Amino acid sequence: MDPFTQTGYLSSPSGASTPFEVPKISLATPREHTVGALRHAALTSGFFQLVDIETYVSSELIVQMFDEARRFFQLPASEKAKVSLWFRRKDEVVTMALI
């Protein structure tokens, strides 16, 4: 098994859980493929893991990003709820809230 594979569980309204795999997206693939994979992952599961990034991102920056993410997710829900991201795609507005 790939050490980078992340398995999570999705819960249905009935309470049943089904496992899913977090998509891994390589930055070593052609740009069009990477962009398409990012878009698909963001619109379907909402999760993805970037791999093959060492050429583009320093290991120090990766560690800093994980540290910042850890600090954010340790905040109380009321603080995390204050953060939302807005973006516009054609004629629709999509809101992404990090909770």
PDB file of N, CA and C in Angstrom:
ATOM      1  N   MET A   1       0.843  -1.193   0.000  1.00  0.00           N
ATOM      2  CA  MET A   1       0.000   0.000   0.000  1.00  0.00           C
ATOM      3  C   MET A   1       0.882   1.248   0.000  1.00  0.00           C
ATOM      4  N   ASP A   2       0.496   2.219  -0.758  1.00  0.00           N
ATOM      5  CA  ASP A   2       1.217   3.493  -0.841  1.00  0.00           C
ATOM      6  C   ASP A   2       1.132   4.213   0.499  1.00  0.00           C
ATOM      7  N   PRO A   3       2.268   4.643   1.062  1.00  0.00           N
ATOM      8  CA  PRO A   3       2.210   5.305   2.370  1.00  0.00           C
ATOM      9  C   PRO A   3       1.471   6.637   2.344  1.00  0.00           C
ATOM     10  N   PHE A   4       1.228   7.190   1.154  1.00  0.00           N
ATOM     11  CA  PHE A   4       0.546   8.478   1.055  1.00  0.00           C
ATOM     12  C   PHE A   4      -0.960   8.332   0.874  1.00  0.00           C
ATOM     13  N   THR A   5      -1.440   7.106   0.752  1.00  0.00           N
ATOM     14  CA  THR A   5      -2.872   6.908   0.587  1.00  0.00           C
ATOM     15  C   THR A   5      -3.578   7.249   1.885  1.00  0.00           C
ATOM     16  N   GLN A   6      -4.576   8.080   1.778  1.00  0.00           N
ATOM     17  CA  GLN A   6      -5.363   8.475   2.938  1.00  0.00           C
ATOM     18  C   GLN A   6      -6.767   7.936   2.750  1.00  0.00           C
ATOM     19  N   THR A   7      -7.251   7.180   3.708  1.00  0.00           N
ATOM     20  CA  THR A   7      -8.606   6.660   3.630  1.00  0.00           C
ATOM     21  C   THR A   7      -9.451   7.372   4.669  1.00  0.00           C
ATOM     22  N   GLY A   8     -10.599   7.819   4.237  1.00  0.00           N
ATOM     23  CA  GLY A   8     -11.529   8.469   5.147  1.00  0.00           C
ATOM     24  C   GLY A   8     -12.850   7.739   5.099  1.00  0.00           C
ATOM     25  N   TYR A   9     -13.810   8.247   5.822  1.00  0.00           N
ATOM     26  CA  TYR A   9     -15.134   7.639   5.837  1.00  0.00           C
ATOM     27  C   TYR A   9     -16.183   8.710   5.635  1.00  0.00           C
ATOM     28  N   LEU A  10     -17.114   8.426   4.744  1.00  0.00           N
ATOM     29  CA  LEU A  10     -18.236   9.324   4.498  1.00  0.00           C
ATOM     30  C   LEU A  10     -19.439   8.766   5.231  1.00  0.00           C
ATOM     31  N   SER A  11     -20.147   9.602   5.937  1.00  0.00           N
ATOM     32  CA  SER A  11     -21.350   9.175   6.650  1.00  0.00           C
ATOM     33  C   SER A  11     -22.582   9.588   5.876  1.00  0.00           C
ATOM     34  N   SER A  12     -23.526   8.673   5.780  1.00  0.00           N
ATOM     35  CA  SER A  12     -24.789   8.973   5.119  1.00  0.00           C
ATOM     36  C   SER A  12     -25.806   9.397   6.182  1.00  0.00           C
ATOM     37  N   PRO A  13     -26.941   9.953   5.750  1.00  0.00           N
ATOM     38  CA  PRO A  13     -27.965  10.343   6.730  1.00  0.00           C
ATOM     39  C   PRO A  13     -28.423   9.182   7.612  1.00  0.00           C
ATOM     40  N   SER A  14     -28.310   7.963   7.104  1.00  0.00           N
ATOM     41  CA  SER A  14     -28.738   6.805   7.899  1.00  0.00           C
ATOM     42  C   SER A  14     -27.706   6.435   8.963  1.00  0.00           C
ATOM     43  N   GLY A  15     -26.541   7.067   8.902  1.00  0.00           N
ATOM     44  CA  GLY A  15     -25.494   6.770   9.872  1.00  0.00           C
ATOM     45  C   GLY A  15     -24.484   5.765   9.366  1.00  0.00           C
ATOM     46  N   ALA A  16     -24.726   5.180   8.191  1.00  0.00           N
ATOM     47  CA  ALA A  16     -23.781   4.216   7.628  1.00  0.00           C
ATOM     48  C   ALA A  16     -22.544   4.946   7.128  1.00  0.00           C
ATOM     49  N   SER A  17     -21.403   4.318   7.282  1.00  0.00           N
ATOM     50  CA  SER A  17     -20.144   4.911   6.819  1.00  0.00           C
ATOM     51  C   SER A  17     -19.591   4.099   5.672  1.00  0.00           C
ATOM     52  N   THR A  18     -19.102   4.802   4.667  1.00  0.00           N
ATOM     53  CA  THR A  18     -18.459   4.124   3.549  1.00  0.00           C
ATOM     54  C   THR A  18     -17.058   4.698   3.377  1.00  0.00           C
ATOM     55  N   PRO A  19     -16.066   3.826   3.183  1.00  0.00           N
ATOM     56  CA  PRO A  19     -14.695   4.329   3.027  1.00  0.00           C
ATOM     57  C   PRO A  19     -14.507   4.993   1.661  1.00  0.00           C
ATOM     58  N   PHE A  20     -13.626   5.965   1.614  1.00  0.00           N
ATOM     59  CA  PHE A  20     -13.256   6.577   0.345  1.00  0.00           C
ATOM     60  C   PHE A  20     -11.768   6.903   0.395  1.00  0.00           C
ATOM     61  N   GLU A  21     -11.156   7.011  -0.762  1.00  0.00           N
ATOM     62  CA  GLU A  21      -9.743   7.340  -0.831  1.00  0.00           C
ATOM     63  C   GLU A  21      -9.588   8.785  -1.264  1.00  0.00           C
ATOM     64  N   VAL A  22      -8.731   9.515  -0.590  1.00  0.00           N
ATOM     65  CA  VAL A  22      -8.454  10.899  -0.949  1.00  0.00           C
ATOM     66  C   VAL A  22      -7.652  10.879  -2.250  1.00  0.00           C
ATOM     67  N   PRO A  23      -8.118  11.565  -3.302  1.00  0.00           N
ATOM     68  CA  PRO A  23      -7.394  11.559  -4.575  1.00  0.00           C
ATOM     69  C   PRO A  23      -5.996  12.168  -4.433  1.00  0.00           C
ATOM     70  N   LYS A  24      -5.014  11.517  -5.057  1.00  0.00           N
ATOM     71  CA  LYS A  24      -3.655  12.048  -5.100  1.00  0.00           C
ATOM     72  C   LYS A  24      -3.459  12.680  -6.474  1.00  0.00           C
ATOM     73  N   ILE A  25      -2.970  13.910  -6.495  1.00  0.00           N
ATOM     74  CA  ILE A  25      -2.781  14.638  -7.743  1.00  0.00           C
ATOM     75  C   ILE A  25      -1.306  14.997  -7.863  1.00  0.00           C
ATOM     76  N   SER A  26      -0.715  14.581  -8.961  1.00  0.00           N
ATOM     77  CA  SER A  26       0.711  14.797  -9.180  1.00  0.00           C
ATOM     78  C   SER A  26       0.951  16.104  -9.924  1.00  0.00           C
ATOM     79  N   LEU A  27       1.905  16.881  -9.421  1.00  0.00           N
ATOM     80  CA  LEU A  27       2.293  18.099 -10.130  1.00  0.00           C
ATOM     81  C   LEU A  27       3.268  17.793 -11.261  1.00  0.00           C
ATOM     82  N   ALA A  28       3.677  16.523 -11.386  1.00  0.00           N
ATOM     83  CA  ALA A  28       4.601  16.136 -12.445  1.00  0.00           C
ATOM     84  C   ALA A  28       3.873  15.838 -13.757  1.00  0.00           C
ATOM     85  N   THR A  29       2.553  15.828 -13.749  1.00  0.00           N
ATOM     86  CA  THR A  29       1.783  15.571 -14.964  1.00  0.00           C
ATOM     87  C   THR A  29       1.593  16.877 -15.737  1.00  0.00           C
ATOM     88  N   PRO A  30       1.184  16.789 -17.013  1.00  0.00           N
ATOM     89  CA  PRO A  30       0.943  18.024 -17.771  1.00  0.00           C
ATOM     90  C   PRO A  30      -0.077  18.923 -17.065  1.00  0.00           C
ATOM     91  N   ARG A  31       0.102  20.212 -17.219  1.00  0.00           N
ATOM     92  CA  ARG A  31      -0.712  21.205 -16.520  1.00  0.00           C
ATOM     93  C   ARG A  31      -2.217  20.980 -16.699  1.00  0.00           C
ATOM     94  N   GLU A  32      -2.652  20.686 -17.920  1.00  0.00           N
ATOM     95  CA  GLU A  32      -4.080  20.503 -18.183  1.00  0.00           C
ATOM     96  C   GLU A  32      -4.632  19.342 -17.355  1.00  0.00           C
ATOM     97  N   HIS A  33      -3.873  18.273 -17.246  1.00  0.00           N
ATOM     98  CA  HIS A  33      -4.307  17.118 -16.458  1.00  0.00           C
ATOM     99  C   HIS A  33      -4.385  17.484 -14.980  1.00  0.00           C
ATOM    100  N   THR A  34      -3.369  18.189 -14.485  1.00  0.00           N
ATOM    101  CA  THR A  34      -3.333  18.583 -13.079  1.00  0.00           C
ATOM    102  C   THR A  34      -4.513  19.484 -12.739  1.00  0.00           C
ATOM    103  N   VAL A  35      -4.765  20.473 -13.572  1.00  0.00           N
ATOM    104  CA  VAL A  35      -5.870  21.408 -13.335  1.00  0.00           C
ATOM    105  C   VAL A  35      -7.202  20.661 -13.359  1.00  0.00           C
ATOM    106  N   GLY A  36      -7.380  19.775 -14.327  1.00  0.00           N
ATOM    107  CA  GLY A  36      -8.613  18.995 -14.413  1.00  0.00           C
ATOM    108  C   GLY A  36      -8.810  18.103 -13.196  1.00  0.00           C
ATOM    109  N   ALA A  37      -7.737  17.474 -12.742  1.00  0.00           N
ATOM    110  CA  ALA A  37      -7.818  16.601 -11.568  1.00  0.00           C
ATOM    111  C   ALA A  37      -8.131  17.401 -10.311  1.00  0.00           C
ATOM    112  N   LEU A  38      -7.511  18.587 -10.170  1.00  0.00           N
ATOM    113  CA  LEU A  38      -7.795  19.453  -9.020  1.00  0.00           C
ATOM    114  C   LEU A  38      -9.257  19.874  -9.005  1.00  0.00           C
ATOM    115  N   ARG A  39      -9.742  20.288 -10.156  1.00  0.00           N
ATOM    116  CA  ARG A  39     -11.132  20.728 -10.255  1.00  0.00           C
ATOM    117  C   ARG A  39     -12.084  19.590  -9.909  1.00  0.00           C
ATOM    118  N   HIS A  40     -11.826  18.413 -10.475  1.00  0.00           N
ATOM    119  CA  HIS A  40     -12.685  17.259 -10.221  1.00  0.00           C
ATOM    120  C   HIS A  40     -12.703  16.904  -8.732  1.00  0.00           C
ATOM    121  N   ALA A  41     -11.534  16.854  -8.123  1.00  0.00           N
ATOM    122  CA  ALA A  41     -11.448  16.509  -6.695  1.00  0.00           C
ATOM    123  C   ALA A  41     -12.155  17.553  -5.836  1.00  0.00           C
ATOM    124  N   ALA A  42     -11.958  18.823  -6.161  1.00  0.00           N
ATOM    125  CA  ALA A  42     -12.572  19.892  -5.373  1.00  0.00           C
ATOM    126  C   ALA A  42     -14.093  19.866  -5.491  1.00  0.00           C
ATOM    127  N   LEU A  43     -14.601  19.543  -6.647  1.00  0.00           N
ATOM    128  CA  LEU A  43     -16.049  19.541  -6.865  1.00  0.00           C
ATOM    129  C   LEU A  43     -16.727  18.252  -6.408  1.00  0.00           C
ATOM    130  N   THR A  44     -15.987  17.157  -6.310  1.00  0.00           N
ATOM    131  CA  THR A  44     -16.612  15.890  -5.922  1.00  0.00           C
ATOM    132  C   THR A  44     -16.421  15.620  -4.435  1.00  0.00           C
ATOM    133  N   SER A  45     -15.225  15.266  -4.034  1.00  0.00           N
ATOM    134  CA  SER A  45     -15.021  14.934  -2.613  1.00  0.00           C
ATOM    135  C   SER A  45     -14.659  16.153  -1.780  1.00  0.00           C
ATOM    136  N   GLY A  46     -14.058  17.157  -2.402  1.00  0.00           N
ATOM    137  CA  GLY A  46     -13.617  18.327  -1.652  1.00  0.00           C
ATOM    138  C   GLY A  46     -12.243  18.151  -1.036  1.00  0.00           C
ATOM    139  N   PHE A  47     -11.632  16.985  -1.248  1.00  0.00           N
ATOM    140  CA  PHE A  47     -10.324  16.697  -0.686  1.00  0.00           C
ATOM    141  C   PHE A  47      -9.384  16.245  -1.774  1.00  0.00           C
ATOM    142  N   PHE A  48      -8.102  16.537  -1.612  1.00  0.00           N
ATOM    143  CA  PHE A  48      -7.084  15.998  -2.502  1.00  0.00           C
ATOM    144  C   PHE A  48      -5.736  16.127  -1.822  1.00  0.00           C
ATOM    145  N   GLN A  49      -4.775  15.341  -2.296  1.00  0.00           N
ATOM    146  CA  GLN A  49      -3.414  15.407  -1.786  1.00  0.00           C
ATOM    147  C   GLN A  49      -2.487  15.626  -2.975  1.00  0.00           C
ATOM    148  N   LEU A  50      -1.663  16.657  -2.892  1.00  0.00           N
ATOM    149  CA  LEU A  50      -0.691  16.914  -3.946  1.00  0.00           C
ATOM    150  C   LEU A  50       0.536  16.058  -3.711  1.00  0.00           C
ATOM    151  N   VAL A  51       1.016  15.413  -4.777  1.00  0.00           N
ATOM    152  CA  VAL A  51       2.232  14.604  -4.704  1.00  0.00           C
ATOM    153  C   VAL A  51       3.191  15.083  -5.786  1.00  0.00           C
ATOM    154  N   ASP A  52       4.434  14.654  -5.680  1.00  0.00           N
ATOM    155  CA  ASP A  52       5.487  15.062  -6.630  1.00  0.00           C
ATOM    156  C   ASP A  52       5.664  16.575  -6.641  1.00  0.00           C
ATOM    157  N   ILE A  53       5.665  17.174  -5.461  1.00  0.00           N
ATOM    158  CA  ILE A  53       5.732  18.632  -5.377  1.00  0.00           C
ATOM    159  C   ILE A  53       7.120  19.147  -5.022  1.00  0.00           C
ATOM    160  N   GLU A  54       8.049  18.237  -4.735  1.00  0.00           N
ATOM    161  CA  GLU A  54       9.367  18.640  -4.249  1.00  0.00           C
ATOM    162  C   GLU A  54      10.095  19.579  -5.205  1.00  0.00           C
ATOM    163  N   THR A  55       9.852  19.444  -6.487  1.00  0.00           N
ATOM    164  CA  THR A  55      10.498  20.304  -7.479  1.00  0.00           C
ATOM    165  C   THR A  55       9.966  21.731  -7.412  1.00  0.00           C
ATOM    166  N   TYR A  56       8.725  21.875  -6.964  1.00  0.00           N
ATOM    167  CA  TYR A  56       8.048  23.162  -6.996  1.00  0.00           C
ATOM    168  C   TYR A  56       7.929  23.839  -5.633  1.00  0.00           C
ATOM    169  N   VAL A  57       7.970  23.045  -4.562  1.00  0.00           N
ATOM    170  CA  VAL A  57       7.752  23.578  -3.224  1.00  0.00           C
ATOM    171  C   VAL A  57       8.832  23.033  -2.293  1.00  0.00           C
ATOM    172  N   SER A  58       9.474  23.914  -1.535  1.00  0.00           N
ATOM    173  CA  SER A  58      10.534  23.477  -0.625  1.00  0.00           C
ATOM    174  C   SER A  58       9.961  22.675   0.535  1.00  0.00           C
ATOM    175  N   SER A  59      10.768  21.780   1.084  1.00  0.00           N
ATOM    176  CA  SER A  59      10.313  20.979   2.219  1.00  0.00           C
ATOM    177  C   SER A  59      10.024  21.866   3.423  1.00  0.00           C
ATOM    178  N   GLU A  60      10.747  22.983   3.550  1.00  0.00           N
ATOM    179  CA  GLU A  60      10.486  23.912   4.652  1.00  0.00           C
ATOM    180  C   GLU A  60       9.089  24.513   4.544  1.00  0.00           C
ATOM    181  N   LEU A  61       8.690  24.873   3.328  1.00  0.00           N
ATOM    182  CA  LEU A  61       7.357  25.445   3.124  1.00  0.00           C
ATOM    183  C   LEU A  61       6.271  24.404   3.398  1.00  0.00           C
ATOM    184  N   ILE A  62       6.518  23.164   3.018  1.00  0.00           N
ATOM    185  CA  ILE A  62       5.554  22.092   3.273  1.00  0.00           C
ATOM    186  C   ILE A  62       5.347  21.928   4.777  1.00  0.00           C
ATOM    187  N   VAL A  63       6.433  21.901   5.536  1.00  0.00           N
ATOM    188  CA  VAL A  63       6.332  21.779   6.996  1.00  0.00           C
ATOM    189  C   VAL A  63       5.581  22.966   7.571  1.00  0.00           C
ATOM    190  N   GLN A  64       5.870  24.171   7.083  1.00  0.00           N
ATOM    191  CA  GLN A  64       5.183  25.373   7.564  1.00  0.00           C
ATOM    192  C   GLN A  64       3.687  25.306   7.264  1.00  0.00           C
ATOM    193  N   MET A  65       3.322  24.807   6.074  1.00  0.00           N
ATOM    194  CA  MET A  65       1.906  24.700   5.718  1.00  0.00           C
ATOM    195  C   MET A  65       1.182  23.724   6.641  1.00  0.00           C
ATOM    196  N   PHE A  66       1.807  22.589   6.949  1.00  0.00           N
ATOM    197  CA  PHE A  66       1.188  21.634   7.864  1.00  0.00           C
ATOM    198  C   PHE A  66       1.043  22.227   9.258  1.00  0.00           C
ATOM    199  N   ASP A  67       2.052  22.955   9.700  1.00  0.00           N
ATOM    200  CA  ASP A  67       1.982  23.608  11.016  1.00  0.00           C
ATOM    201  C   ASP A  67       0.823  24.604  11.073  1.00  0.00           C
ATOM    202  N   GLU A  68       0.685  25.408  10.026  1.00  0.00           N
ATOM    203  CA  GLU A  68      -0.403  26.388   9.982  1.00  0.00           C
ATOM    204  C   GLU A  68      -1.765  25.702   9.936  1.00  0.00           C
ATOM    205  N   ALA A  69      -1.880  24.635   9.156  1.00  0.00           N
ATOM    206  CA  ALA A  69      -3.143  23.899   9.079  1.00  0.00           C
ATOM    207  C   ALA A  69      -3.490  23.309  10.442  1.00  0.00           C
ATOM    208  N   ARG A  70      -2.497  22.740  11.119  1.00  0.00           N
ATOM    209  CA  ARG A  70      -2.718  22.165  12.442  1.00  0.00           C
ATOM    210  C   ARG A  70      -3.221  23.238  13.416  1.00  0.00           C
ATOM    211  N   ARG A  71      -2.582  24.418  13.377  1.00  0.00           N
ATOM    212  CA  ARG A  71      -3.012  25.510  14.257  1.00  0.00           C
ATOM    213  C   ARG A  71      -4.452  25.930  13.951  1.00  0.00           C
ATOM    214  N   PHE A  72      -4.775  26.029  12.673  1.00  0.00           N
ATOM    215  CA  PHE A  72      -6.132  26.426  12.288  1.00  0.00           C
ATOM    216  C   PHE A  72      -7.160  25.420  12.794  1.00  0.00           C
ATOM    217  N   PHE A  73      -6.920  24.135  12.570  1.00  0.00           N
ATOM    218  CA  PHE A  73      -7.911  23.129  12.936  1.00  0.00           C
ATOM    219  C   PHE A  73      -7.981  22.887  14.438  1.00  0.00           C
ATOM    220  N   GLN A  74      -7.040  23.428  15.193  1.00  0.00           N
ATOM    221  CA  GLN A  74      -7.122  23.363  16.651  1.00  0.00           C
ATOM    222  C   GLN A  74      -7.943  24.521  17.227  1.00  0.00           C
ATOM    223  N   LEU A  75      -8.288  25.489  16.403  1.00  0.00           N
ATOM    224  CA  LEU A  75      -9.112  26.606  16.861  1.00  0.00           C
ATOM    225  C   LEU A  75     -10.513  26.124  17.204  1.00  0.00           C
ATOM    226  N   PRO A  76     -11.205  26.839  18.076  1.00  0.00           N
ATOM    227  CA  PRO A  76     -12.609  26.507  18.354  1.00  0.00           C
ATOM    228  C   PRO A  76     -13.442  26.674  17.081  1.00  0.00           C
ATOM    229  N   ALA A  77     -14.513  25.904  16.992  1.00  0.00           N
ATOM    230  CA  ALA A  77     -15.383  25.951  15.812  1.00  0.00           C
ATOM    231  C   ALA A  77     -15.886  27.360  15.538  1.00  0.00           C
ATOM    232  N   SER A  78     -16.130  28.134  16.591  1.00  0.00           N
ATOM    233  CA  SER A  78     -16.632  29.499  16.403  1.00  0.00           C
ATOM    234  C   SER A  78     -15.613  30.373  15.666  1.00  0.00           C
ATOM    235  N   GLU A  79     -14.340  30.151  15.908  1.00  0.00           N
ATOM    236  CA  GLU A  79     -13.291  30.906  15.207  1.00  0.00           C
ATOM    237  C   GLU A  79     -13.147  30.429  13.769  1.00  0.00           C
ATOM    238  N   LYS A  80     -13.178  29.107  13.574  1.00  0.00           N
ATOM    239  CA  LYS A  80     -13.058  28.566  12.210  1.00  0.00           C
ATOM    240  C   LYS A  80     -14.237  28.993  11.345  1.00  0.00           C
ATOM    241  N   ALA A  81     -15.415  29.127  11.956  1.00  0.00           N
ATOM    242  CA  ALA A  81     -16.611  29.509  11.206  1.00  0.00           C
ATOM    243  C   ALA A  81     -16.509  30.917  10.646  1.00  0.00           C
ATOM    244  N   LYS A  82     -15.621  31.728  11.189  1.00  0.00           N
ATOM    245  CA  LYS A  82     -15.455  33.099  10.699  1.00  0.00           C
ATOM    246  C   LYS A  82     -14.731  33.147   9.355  1.00  0.00           C
ATOM    247  N   VAL A  83     -14.104  32.044   8.989  1.00  0.00           N
ATOM    248  CA  VAL A  83     -13.322  31.998   7.757  1.00  0.00           C
ATOM    249  C   VAL A  83     -14.163  31.383   6.649  1.00  0.00           C
ATOM    250  N   SER A  84     -14.370  32.123   5.580  1.00  0.00           N
ATOM    251  CA  SER A  84     -15.033  31.557   4.404  1.00  0.00           C
ATOM    252  C   SER A  84     -14.352  32.106   3.169  1.00  0.00           C
ATOM    253  N   LEU A  85     -14.379  31.320   2.132  1.00  0.00           N
ATOM    254  CA  LEU A  85     -13.746  31.699   0.875  1.00  0.00           C
ATOM    255  C   LEU A  85     -14.833  31.865  -0.175  1.00  0.00           C
ATOM    256  N   TRP A  86     -14.803  32.957  -0.893  1.00  0.00           N
ATOM    257  CA  TRP A  86     -15.771  33.212  -1.953  1.00  0.00           C
ATOM    258  C   TRP A  86     -15.047  33.236  -3.283  1.00  0.00           C
ATOM    259  N   PHE A  87     -15.647  32.643  -4.284  1.00  0.00           N
ATOM    260  CA  PHE A  87     -15.120  32.791  -5.628  1.00  0.00           C
ATOM    261  C   PHE A  87     -16.275  32.734  -6.620  1.00  0.00           C
ATOM    262  N   ARG A  88     -16.072  33.320  -7.776  1.00  0.00           N
ATOM    263  CA  ARG A  88     -17.129  33.401  -8.788  1.00  0.00           C
ATOM    264  C   ARG A  88     -16.706  32.584 -10.006  1.00  0.00           C
ATOM    265  N   ARG A  89     -17.632  31.763 -10.485  1.00  0.00           N
ATOM    266  CA  ARG A  89     -17.405  30.978 -11.686  1.00  0.00           C
ATOM    267  C   ARG A  89     -18.574  31.239 -12.617  1.00  0.00           C
ATOM    268  N   LYS A  90     -18.299  31.885 -13.718  1.00  0.00           N
ATOM    269  CA  LYS A  90     -19.325  32.296 -14.674  1.00  0.00           C
ATOM    270  C   LYS A  90     -20.399  33.101 -13.949  1.00  0.00           C
ATOM    271  N   ASP A  91     -21.634  32.603 -13.915  1.00  0.00           N
ATOM    272  CA  ASP A  91     -22.733  33.365 -13.318  1.00  0.00           C
ATOM    273  C   ASP A  91     -23.126  32.874 -11.932  1.00  0.00           C
ATOM    274  N   GLU A  92     -22.342  31.957 -11.354  1.00  0.00           N
ATOM    275  CA  GLU A  92     -22.733  31.465 -10.044  1.00  0.00           C
ATOM    276  C   GLU A  92     -21.683  31.826  -8.984  1.00  0.00           C
ATOM    277  N   VAL A  93     -22.124  31.985  -7.787  1.00  0.00           N
ATOM    278  CA  VAL A  93     -21.236  32.261  -6.668  1.00  0.00           C
ATOM    279  C   VAL A  93     -21.212  31.017  -5.797  1.00  0.00           C
ATOM    280  N   VAL A  94     -20.037  30.571  -5.474  1.00  0.00           N
ATOM    281  CA  VAL A  94     -19.881  29.375  -4.645  1.00  0.00           C
ATOM    282  C   VAL A  94     -19.210  29.794  -3.358  1.00  0.00           C
ATOM    283  N   THR A  95     -19.717  29.324  -2.257  1.00  0.00           N
ATOM    284  CA  THR A  95     -19.126  29.612  -0.950  1.00  0.00           C
ATOM    285  C   THR A  95     -18.500  28.349  -0.404  1.00  0.00           C
ATOM    286  N   MET A  96     -17.287  28.469   0.073  1.00  0.00           N
ATOM    287  CA  MET A  96     -16.618  27.356   0.733  1.00  0.00           C
ATOM    288  C   MET A  96     -16.313  27.813   2.146  1.00  0.00           C
ATOM    289  N   ALA A  97     -16.853  27.155   3.113  1.00  0.00           N
ATOM    290  CA  ALA A  97     -16.589  27.494   4.506  1.00  0.00           C
ATOM    291  C   ALA A  97     -15.696  26.436   5.107  1.00  0.00           C
ATOM    292  N   LEU A  98     -14.687  26.860   5.808  1.00  0.00           N
ATOM    293  CA  LEU A  98     -13.792  25.937   6.483  1.00  0.00           C
ATOM    294  C   LEU A  98     -14.242  25.813   7.925  1.00  0.00           C
ATOM    295  N   ILE A  99     -14.819  24.685   8.261  1.00  0.00           N
ATOM    296  CA  ILE A  99     -15.313  24.472   9.618  1.00  0.00           C
ATOM    297  C   ILE A  99     -14.708  23.203  10.187  1.00  0.00           C
TER     298      ILE A  99
END
